[in-house]
Protein backbone atom coordinates (compact mmCIF):
# COMPACT_ATOMS: atom_id res chain seq x y z
CA MET A 1 -21.86 -16.88 -17.69
CA ASN A 2 -19.57 -18.43 -20.28
CA ILE A 3 -15.94 -18.46 -21.24
CA ARG A 4 -15.52 -16.25 -24.27
CA HIS A 5 -11.85 -16.90 -24.88
CA ILE A 6 -9.12 -18.79 -23.08
CA VAL A 7 -5.42 -18.19 -23.45
CA MET A 8 -2.73 -20.26 -21.75
CA LEU A 9 0.63 -18.54 -21.40
CA SER A 10 3.78 -18.92 -19.33
CA VAL A 11 6.67 -16.77 -18.26
CA SER A 12 8.89 -18.70 -20.65
CA ALA A 13 6.83 -17.24 -23.51
CA LEU A 14 5.09 -20.52 -24.36
CA VAL A 15 1.76 -19.41 -25.81
CA ALA A 16 -1.31 -21.41 -26.83
CA ALA A 17 -4.82 -20.15 -27.53
CA THR A 18 -8.09 -22.08 -27.38
CA SER A 19 -11.69 -21.01 -27.83
CA VAL A 20 -14.22 -22.52 -25.47
CA ALA A 21 -17.99 -22.25 -25.64
CA GLY A 22 -20.75 -23.26 -23.28
CA GLY A 23 -21.56 -22.89 -19.59
CA ALA A 24 -19.03 -23.11 -16.75
CA PHE A 25 -19.25 -23.87 -13.05
CA ALA A 26 -19.41 -20.80 -10.83
CA ALA A 27 -20.45 -20.87 -7.18
CA GLU A 28 -21.38 -17.58 -5.54
CA ASP A 29 -19.20 -16.85 -2.52
CA HIS A 30 -21.71 -15.79 0.12
CA ASP A 31 -19.11 -14.44 2.54
CA LEU A 32 -17.16 -12.35 0.05
CA ARG A 33 -20.45 -10.99 -1.24
CA ALA A 34 -21.43 -10.08 2.33
CA LEU A 35 -18.27 -7.97 2.54
CA LEU A 36 -18.92 -6.28 -0.80
CA ALA A 37 -22.52 -5.58 0.28
CA VAL A 38 -21.16 -3.48 3.16
CA LEU A 39 -18.41 -1.70 1.23
CA PRO A 40 -19.19 1.48 -0.71
CA ALA A 41 -18.88 1.44 -4.50
CA SER A 42 -16.18 4.10 -4.02
CA ALA A 43 -13.83 1.30 -2.93
CA PHE A 44 -13.14 0.89 -6.67
CA THR A 45 -12.70 4.59 -7.44
CA SER A 46 -11.16 6.31 -4.42
CA ALA A 47 -7.46 6.95 -3.93
CA ASP A 48 -8.02 7.76 -0.24
CA GLN A 49 -9.65 4.53 0.94
CA GLY A 50 -6.75 2.21 0.10
CA TYR A 51 -7.41 -1.44 -0.57
CA VAL A 52 -9.70 -3.94 1.13
CA GLU A 53 -8.40 -7.07 2.87
CA TYR A 54 -10.53 -10.21 3.22
CA LEU A 55 -9.85 -13.46 5.08
CA ASN A 56 -12.30 -16.35 5.28
CA LEU A 57 -11.56 -17.96 8.65
CA SER A 58 -14.01 -20.80 8.05
CA ARG A 59 -12.02 -21.86 4.96
CA LEU A 60 -8.49 -21.08 6.11
CA VAL A 61 -8.91 -23.22 9.23
CA LEU A 62 -9.54 -26.92 8.67
CA GLU A 63 -13.04 -28.02 9.61
CA GLY A 64 -13.18 -29.50 13.09
CA THR A 65 -9.96 -27.84 14.25
CA GLU A 66 -9.42 -24.77 16.40
CA VAL A 67 -7.91 -21.53 15.18
CA SER A 68 -4.23 -21.46 16.09
CA SER A 69 -1.14 -19.51 15.11
CA GLY A 70 -0.15 -22.46 12.95
CA SER A 71 -3.45 -22.52 11.06
CA LEU A 72 -2.92 -18.88 10.07
CA GLN A 73 0.57 -19.32 8.60
CA GLY A 74 -0.74 -19.35 5.03
CA ILE A 75 -2.12 -15.80 5.31
CA ALA A 76 -0.37 -13.24 3.11
CA LEU A 77 -2.29 -10.16 4.28
CA GLY A 78 -4.39 -8.79 7.13
CA GLY A 79 -2.05 -6.29 8.75
CA ASN A 80 -4.86 -3.71 9.07
CA ILE A 81 -7.41 -6.12 10.57
CA ARG A 82 -7.44 -5.55 14.34
CA PRO A 83 -9.16 -8.81 15.38
CA LEU A 84 -6.72 -10.84 13.27
CA LEU A 85 -3.75 -9.26 15.06
CA ALA A 86 -5.30 -10.24 18.41
CA ILE A 87 -6.04 -13.78 17.27
CA SER A 88 -2.46 -14.12 16.05
CA ALA A 89 -1.16 -12.88 19.41
CA ASP A 90 -3.03 -15.55 21.39
CA PRO A 91 -5.98 -17.47 19.89
CA ALA A 92 -6.73 -19.17 23.23
CA GLU A 93 -7.42 -15.88 25.01
CA PHE A 94 -9.30 -14.17 22.20
CA ARG A 95 -12.80 -15.08 23.40
CA ASP A 96 -12.32 -13.64 26.90
CA ARG A 97 -11.20 -10.31 25.52
CA ALA A 98 -13.33 -10.07 22.37
CA GLY A 99 -16.62 -11.44 23.69
CA VAL A 100 -16.74 -13.93 20.80
CA GLY A 101 -14.45 -16.80 19.82
CA PRO A 102 -12.58 -17.16 16.53
CA GLU A 103 -14.91 -20.04 15.68
CA ASP A 104 -17.89 -17.63 15.90
CA LEU A 105 -16.46 -15.56 13.05
CA THR A 106 -16.92 -16.56 9.43
CA TRP A 107 -14.63 -13.95 7.89
CA LEU A 108 -12.63 -10.82 8.68
CA GLY A 109 -11.99 -7.72 6.62
CA GLY A 110 -10.08 -4.47 6.66
CA PHE A 111 -10.92 -1.26 4.79
CA GLY A 112 -9.41 2.21 4.59
CA GLN A 113 -6.11 3.72 5.69
CA ALA A 114 -4.79 4.47 9.16
CA PRO A 115 -5.82 6.14 11.34
CA ARG A 116 -9.32 5.91 9.83
CA GLU A 117 -9.23 2.22 8.92
CA ILE A 118 -12.25 -0.01 9.59
CA SER A 119 -12.05 -3.64 10.68
CA LEU A 120 -15.00 -5.81 9.68
CA TRP A 121 -16.12 -8.83 11.69
CA GLY A 122 -18.21 -11.20 9.57
CA PHE A 123 -20.71 -13.51 11.26
CA ALA A 124 -22.89 -16.30 9.90
CA ASP A 125 -26.02 -14.15 10.03
CA ALA A 126 -27.44 -10.84 11.29
CA GLN A 127 -28.73 -12.43 14.50
CA ALA A 128 -25.24 -13.56 15.51
CA ALA A 129 -23.79 -10.12 14.71
CA LEU A 130 -26.50 -8.37 16.74
CA LYS A 131 -25.89 -10.60 19.77
CA ALA A 132 -22.15 -9.91 19.60
CA PHE A 133 -22.90 -6.18 19.41
CA GLU A 134 -25.25 -6.27 22.39
CA ASP A 135 -22.76 -8.28 24.46
CA LEU A 136 -20.16 -5.53 24.12
CA SER A 137 -21.73 -3.74 27.09
CA ALA A 138 -20.17 -6.40 29.33
CA LEU A 139 -16.74 -5.39 27.99
CA GLY A 140 -17.04 -1.74 28.94
CA PHE A 141 -18.73 -0.38 25.80
CA ALA A 142 -21.35 2.34 26.09
CA ARG A 143 -23.29 4.53 23.68
CA ALA A 144 -20.97 6.85 21.78
CA GLY A 145 -22.36 10.34 22.29
CA PHE A 146 -25.65 11.01 20.57
CA VAL A 147 -25.12 8.63 17.67
CA PRO A 148 -27.69 5.82 17.77
CA GLY A 149 -26.48 2.28 17.22
CA VAL A 150 -22.83 3.14 17.90
CA VAL A 151 -20.87 2.20 21.03
CA ALA A 152 -17.31 2.85 22.21
CA ASN A 153 -15.05 1.61 25.01
CA GLY A 154 -13.58 5.01 25.81
CA GLU A 155 -13.00 8.45 24.37
CA GLN A 156 -13.31 8.21 20.61
CA GLY A 157 -10.02 8.52 18.74
CA ALA A 158 -7.96 8.28 21.93
CA MET A 159 -4.96 6.11 22.77
CA ASP A 160 -4.27 5.11 26.36
CA PHE A 161 -0.97 3.30 26.85
CA SER A 162 -2.06 2.16 30.30
CA ARG A 163 -4.65 -0.04 28.51
CA VAL A 164 -2.30 -1.62 25.97
CA ASP A 165 -3.13 -5.28 25.33
CA PRO A 166 -2.10 -6.89 22.01
CA LYS A 167 -4.38 -9.85 22.80
CA ASP A 168 -7.44 -7.57 23.05
CA PRO A 169 -8.88 -6.62 19.64
CA TRP A 170 -10.78 -3.71 21.18
CA LEU A 171 -7.58 -2.08 22.56
CA GLY A 172 -4.59 -3.60 20.80
CA PRO A 173 -0.89 -2.73 21.09
CA MET A 174 -1.58 1.02 21.22
CA GLY A 175 -4.49 1.06 23.68
CA ARG A 176 -6.74 2.57 20.99
CA THR A 177 -10.39 3.16 21.70
CA SER A 178 -12.74 1.08 19.56
CA THR A 179 -15.98 2.47 18.20
CA VAL A 180 -18.37 -0.21 16.93
CA THR A 181 -21.62 -0.46 15.00
CA ALA A 182 -23.52 -3.32 13.38
CA ARG A 183 -24.74 -3.65 9.83
CA ASP A 184 -26.51 -6.81 8.69
CA SER A 185 -24.23 -9.76 9.57
CA VAL A 186 -21.17 -7.55 10.14
CA LEU A 187 -19.65 -5.59 13.01
CA LEU A 188 -17.70 -2.51 11.96
CA GLN A 189 -14.84 -1.38 14.21
CA ALA A 190 -13.07 1.97 13.89
CA GLY A 191 -11.42 4.67 15.97
CA THR A 192 -14.33 7.12 15.82
CA SER A 193 -17.91 7.15 14.57
CA ALA A 194 -16.86 9.62 11.85
CA ASP A 195 -14.64 6.91 10.36
CA PHE A 196 -17.78 4.97 9.38
CA ALA A 197 -18.87 7.74 6.98
CA PRO A 198 -17.61 6.09 3.74
CA VAL A 199 -19.63 2.96 4.58
CA LEU A 200 -22.73 4.27 6.33
CA GLY A 201 -23.03 7.28 4.01
CA ALA A 202 -22.70 5.34 0.78
CA THR A 203 -25.54 5.51 -1.76
CA ALA A 204 -24.34 2.41 -3.64
CA THR A 205 -22.45 -0.70 -2.55
CA ALA A 206 -19.45 -2.37 -4.14
CA LEU A 207 -21.58 -5.47 -4.69
CA ASP A 208 -24.18 -3.54 -6.69
CA SER A 209 -21.63 -1.84 -8.93
CA ASP A 210 -20.79 -3.07 -12.42
CA ALA A 211 -17.12 -3.19 -11.44
CA GLY A 212 -17.88 -5.38 -8.45
CA GLN A 213 -20.04 -7.80 -10.43
CA LEU A 214 -17.42 -8.19 -13.14
CA ALA A 215 -14.52 -8.72 -10.74
CA LEU A 216 -16.59 -11.24 -8.79
CA ALA A 217 -17.34 -13.17 -11.97
CA GLY A 218 -13.65 -13.82 -12.50
CA VAL A 219 -12.98 -14.80 -8.89
CA GLU A 220 -16.00 -17.10 -8.58
CA HIS A 221 -15.48 -18.80 -11.94
CA GLU A 222 -14.86 -22.54 -11.45
CA THR A 223 -14.08 -22.10 -7.75
CA ASP A 224 -15.55 -23.34 -4.49
CA GLY A 225 -14.91 -20.24 -2.43
CA VAL A 226 -12.33 -17.57 -1.66
CA LEU A 227 -9.74 -18.14 1.08
CA GLN A 228 -8.18 -14.65 1.15
CA ALA A 229 -8.35 -11.62 -1.09
CA LEU A 230 -7.37 -8.04 -1.74
CA ILE A 231 -10.01 -5.87 -3.39
CA LEU A 232 -8.27 -3.14 -5.36
CA SER A 233 -9.00 0.11 -7.12
CA PRO A 234 -7.18 0.94 -10.36
CA VAL A 235 -6.62 4.38 -8.84
CA THR A 236 -4.65 2.78 -6.01
CA VAL A 237 -2.52 0.26 -7.91
CA GLY A 238 -2.88 1.03 -11.62
CA ALA A 239 -0.82 4.23 -11.67
CA GLN A 240 2.75 3.66 -10.51
CA ALA A 241 5.99 5.62 -10.38
CA ILE A 242 9.70 4.85 -10.59
CA ASN A 243 11.26 3.98 -7.24
CA PRO A 244 14.68 5.65 -7.16
CA ALA A 245 15.98 3.05 -4.67
CA PHE A 246 17.09 0.81 -7.53
CA LEU A 247 19.75 3.40 -8.44
CA ILE A 248 21.60 2.97 -5.13
CA GLY A 249 25.10 1.60 -5.52
CA LYS A 250 25.34 2.20 -9.28
CA SER A 251 27.81 4.38 -11.12
CA PRO A 252 26.41 7.36 -13.08
CA GLU A 253 26.62 5.37 -16.33
CA GLU A 254 24.96 2.31 -14.76
CA ALA A 255 22.28 4.48 -13.15
CA ARG A 256 21.45 6.15 -16.48
CA ALA A 257 21.13 2.79 -18.26
CA ALA A 258 19.06 1.30 -15.43
CA PHE A 259 16.77 4.34 -15.40
CA GLU A 260 16.12 4.07 -19.13
CA VAL A 261 15.23 0.39 -18.80
CA GLU A 262 12.99 1.08 -15.80
CA ALA A 263 11.21 3.92 -17.62
CA ALA A 264 10.53 1.67 -20.60
CA ASN A 265 9.25 -1.10 -18.33
CA LEU A 266 7.03 1.33 -16.46
CA ALA A 267 5.24 2.29 -19.68
CA ALA A 268 4.09 -1.32 -20.15
CA GLY A 269 0.88 -2.41 -18.53
CA LEU A 270 -2.73 -3.55 -18.79
CA PRO A 271 -5.67 -1.86 -20.48
CA LEU A 272 -7.56 0.34 -18.04
CA TYR A 273 -9.72 -1.83 -15.75
CA SER A 274 -12.48 -0.74 -13.37
CA ALA A 275 -11.73 -3.09 -10.45
CA ALA A 276 -9.33 -5.83 -9.46
CA ILE A 277 -9.37 -8.68 -6.96
CA LEU A 278 -6.26 -10.64 -6.01
CA ALA A 279 -7.38 -13.88 -4.36
CA GLU A 280 -6.46 -17.34 -3.26
CA VAL A 281 -9.41 -19.54 -4.19
CA ALA A 282 -10.42 -23.13 -3.51
CA THR A 283 -10.79 -25.35 -6.59
CA VAL A 284 -11.11 -29.06 -7.27
CA GLN A 285 -7.38 -29.05 -8.14
CA GLY A 286 -6.50 -27.34 -4.86
CA PRO A 287 -5.98 -23.68 -3.87
CA GLN A 288 -5.04 -21.31 -6.69
CA VAL A 289 -3.92 -17.68 -6.86
CA VAL A 290 -5.95 -15.59 -9.28
CA ILE A 291 -6.26 -11.96 -10.32
CA SER A 292 -9.64 -10.90 -11.64
CA LEU A 293 -9.81 -7.64 -13.62
CA ALA A 294 -13.14 -6.00 -14.50
CA TYR A 295 -13.57 -4.72 -18.05
CA PRO A 296 -16.67 -3.19 -19.66
CA HIS A 297 -15.24 -4.19 -23.07
CA CYS A 298 -14.28 -7.83 -23.64
CA ASP A 299 -11.54 -7.00 -26.15
CA ASP A 300 -9.68 -5.22 -23.35
CA ALA A 301 -10.04 -8.29 -21.13
CA THR A 302 -8.55 -10.43 -23.90
CA ALA A 303 -5.62 -8.01 -24.22
CA ALA A 304 -5.06 -8.12 -20.45
CA VAL A 305 -4.80 -11.91 -20.50
CA SER A 306 -2.30 -11.75 -23.38
CA ARG A 307 -0.11 -9.17 -21.64
CA ALA A 308 -0.03 -10.80 -18.18
CA PRO A 309 3.00 -13.13 -18.64
CA ALA A 310 5.23 -10.34 -19.98
CA LEU A 311 4.17 -8.09 -17.10
CA TRP A 312 5.02 -10.81 -14.56
CA ASP A 313 8.50 -10.86 -16.03
CA LEU A 314 8.69 -7.10 -15.33
CA MET A 315 7.90 -7.49 -11.60
CA ASN A 316 10.52 -5.69 -9.50
CA PRO A 317 13.21 -8.25 -8.53
CA SER A 318 13.61 -6.45 -5.19
CA TYR A 319 10.31 -8.02 -4.15
CA MET A 320 11.53 -11.52 -5.03
CA PRO A 321 8.78 -12.45 -7.52
CA ALA A 322 8.10 -16.15 -7.13
CA PRO A 323 8.62 -18.45 -10.14
CA ALA A 324 5.17 -18.92 -11.63
CA VAL A 325 3.30 -20.01 -14.71
CA ILE A 326 0.75 -17.44 -15.82
CA SER A 327 -2.48 -18.59 -17.45
CA GLY A 328 -5.64 -16.69 -18.25
CA GLU A 329 -9.16 -16.77 -19.51
CA VAL A 330 -11.84 -14.24 -20.28
CA VAL A 331 -15.12 -14.75 -18.45
CA GLU A 332 -18.07 -13.03 -20.11
CA VAL A 333 -20.89 -11.83 -17.89
CA ASP A 334 -23.26 -8.88 -18.14
CA PRO A 335 -22.24 -6.02 -18.36
CA GLY A 336 -18.81 -6.93 -19.76
CA CYS A 337 -15.97 -9.36 -19.12
CA ALA A 338 -13.49 -10.35 -16.45
CA ALA A 339 -9.88 -11.13 -17.27
CA ARG A 340 -9.13 -14.06 -14.95
CA ILE A 341 -5.36 -14.52 -14.58
CA THR A 342 -4.03 -17.53 -12.68
CA LEU A 343 -0.58 -17.46 -11.05
CA THR A 344 0.60 -21.03 -10.50
CA PRO A 345 3.84 -21.48 -8.52
CA THR A 346 6.38 -23.67 -10.29
CA ALA A 347 7.90 -26.77 -8.74
CA GLU A 348 11.34 -25.17 -8.57
CA GLY A 349 9.92 -22.29 -6.56
CA GLY A 350 9.00 -24.68 -3.75
CA ALA A 351 7.19 -22.09 -1.63
CA GLY A 352 3.68 -22.53 -3.04
CA ASN A 353 0.88 -19.98 -3.23
CA LEU A 354 2.10 -17.95 -0.26
CA ALA A 355 5.27 -16.84 -2.07
CA VAL A 356 3.27 -15.82 -5.15
CA LEU A 357 0.75 -13.90 -3.07
CA ARG A 358 3.49 -12.12 -1.14
CA SER A 359 5.22 -11.11 -4.37
CA VAL A 360 2.09 -9.28 -5.49
CA VAL A 361 1.13 -7.92 -2.06
CA THR A 362 4.62 -6.49 -1.50
CA GLY A 363 4.53 -4.80 -4.90
CA ILE A 364 1.12 -3.31 -4.07
CA GLN A 365 2.40 -1.94 -0.77
CA PHE A 366 5.26 -0.19 -2.59
CA ARG A 367 3.06 0.87 -5.53
CA ASP A 368 5.33 -1.04 -7.88
CA VAL A 369 3.52 -4.11 -9.18
CA ALA A 370 3.78 -4.64 -12.93
CA ILE A 371 1.10 -7.33 -13.11
CA LEU A 372 -1.51 -4.71 -12.09
CA ARG A 373 -0.04 -1.63 -13.79
CA ILE A 374 -2.13 0.24 -16.36
CA GLY A 375 -0.18 1.09 -19.48
CA ALA A 376 0.75 0.27 -23.06
CA GLU A 377 1.19 -3.14 -24.61
CA PRO A 378 4.55 -4.68 -23.56
CA ALA A 379 7.10 -5.22 -26.31
CA GLY A 380 6.76 -8.49 -28.17
CA VAL A 381 3.19 -9.25 -27.03
CA SER A 382 0.55 -10.17 -29.58
CA PRO A 383 -2.96 -8.86 -28.84
CA GLU A 384 -4.33 -12.38 -29.41
């Protein structure tokens, strides 16, 4: 792997370009790769499966300390991860209800859209995952119908409000039945066994795909591991529409002018990418927020880096985009390149990485996030 081209840019339009040759440090993230090895390659191409959430508990919690509500305050995502919601409700009681403690988990993930979402419990190895799966029988789990290797703690797909327990990851605030299976070092939790179909029926994994390898190259470049991440499909976040809410409270003349500006802004975007990962990563300088975009053609990756600062300026002000300096580099790795964009919070922002992450995550949730939009070159941006 080598850096093909590096471009440093900022939201104040300060631009400098430097060419760098030679090797660069890149440590493979075993845990993130374990997640991608379970996910189907369709995670990068499907509009139905939503985005994938990833949290590395072993990195987010300081070594030698217990998981607590305070240690999870830096998390910007995870709303679809059932065990995380239970840990947040009461870390001290998690083990009694889950059968494993937070310290037994290496990472957590969430995949798919409700009500068919899947929570992923990542363990250190397959042996630990298998033991956790076998111990579920003591928590009321039994074989789910005729499906081998799948257990459930009630009628699949059912909700029972008499069993509501926000501190229990297997029931939660809606008393939902959990259906569970094991795959390698991961437990998969869903509402029904049919919900596992995108994962268990996949013929190729996200890790094996070209898109996955390229996006990983950008995330792993000069980092010592990923703290939290969203794995994104261009189908999910690349195509966006005008939100009419910004017209509220404006006169007809003001609304017309605002609409024309918004339409022009919406046309601006990145070259078409095949995968994206938004992540907070550990580096020797401290945690950083990065976006890694997968490109089969390196010229497109270079263009993406050049356009990123202008697109950050076009982020919807309703989502309170954090003040940030945008820098980028193109990481070349077979079979293409990754555009690695770094979002560094400015001193005047004062809120750190969390504010920057939330700016992007909120835009993703509302399908209005300029920094990930696919479109034409923004006005005033040079391709180099």
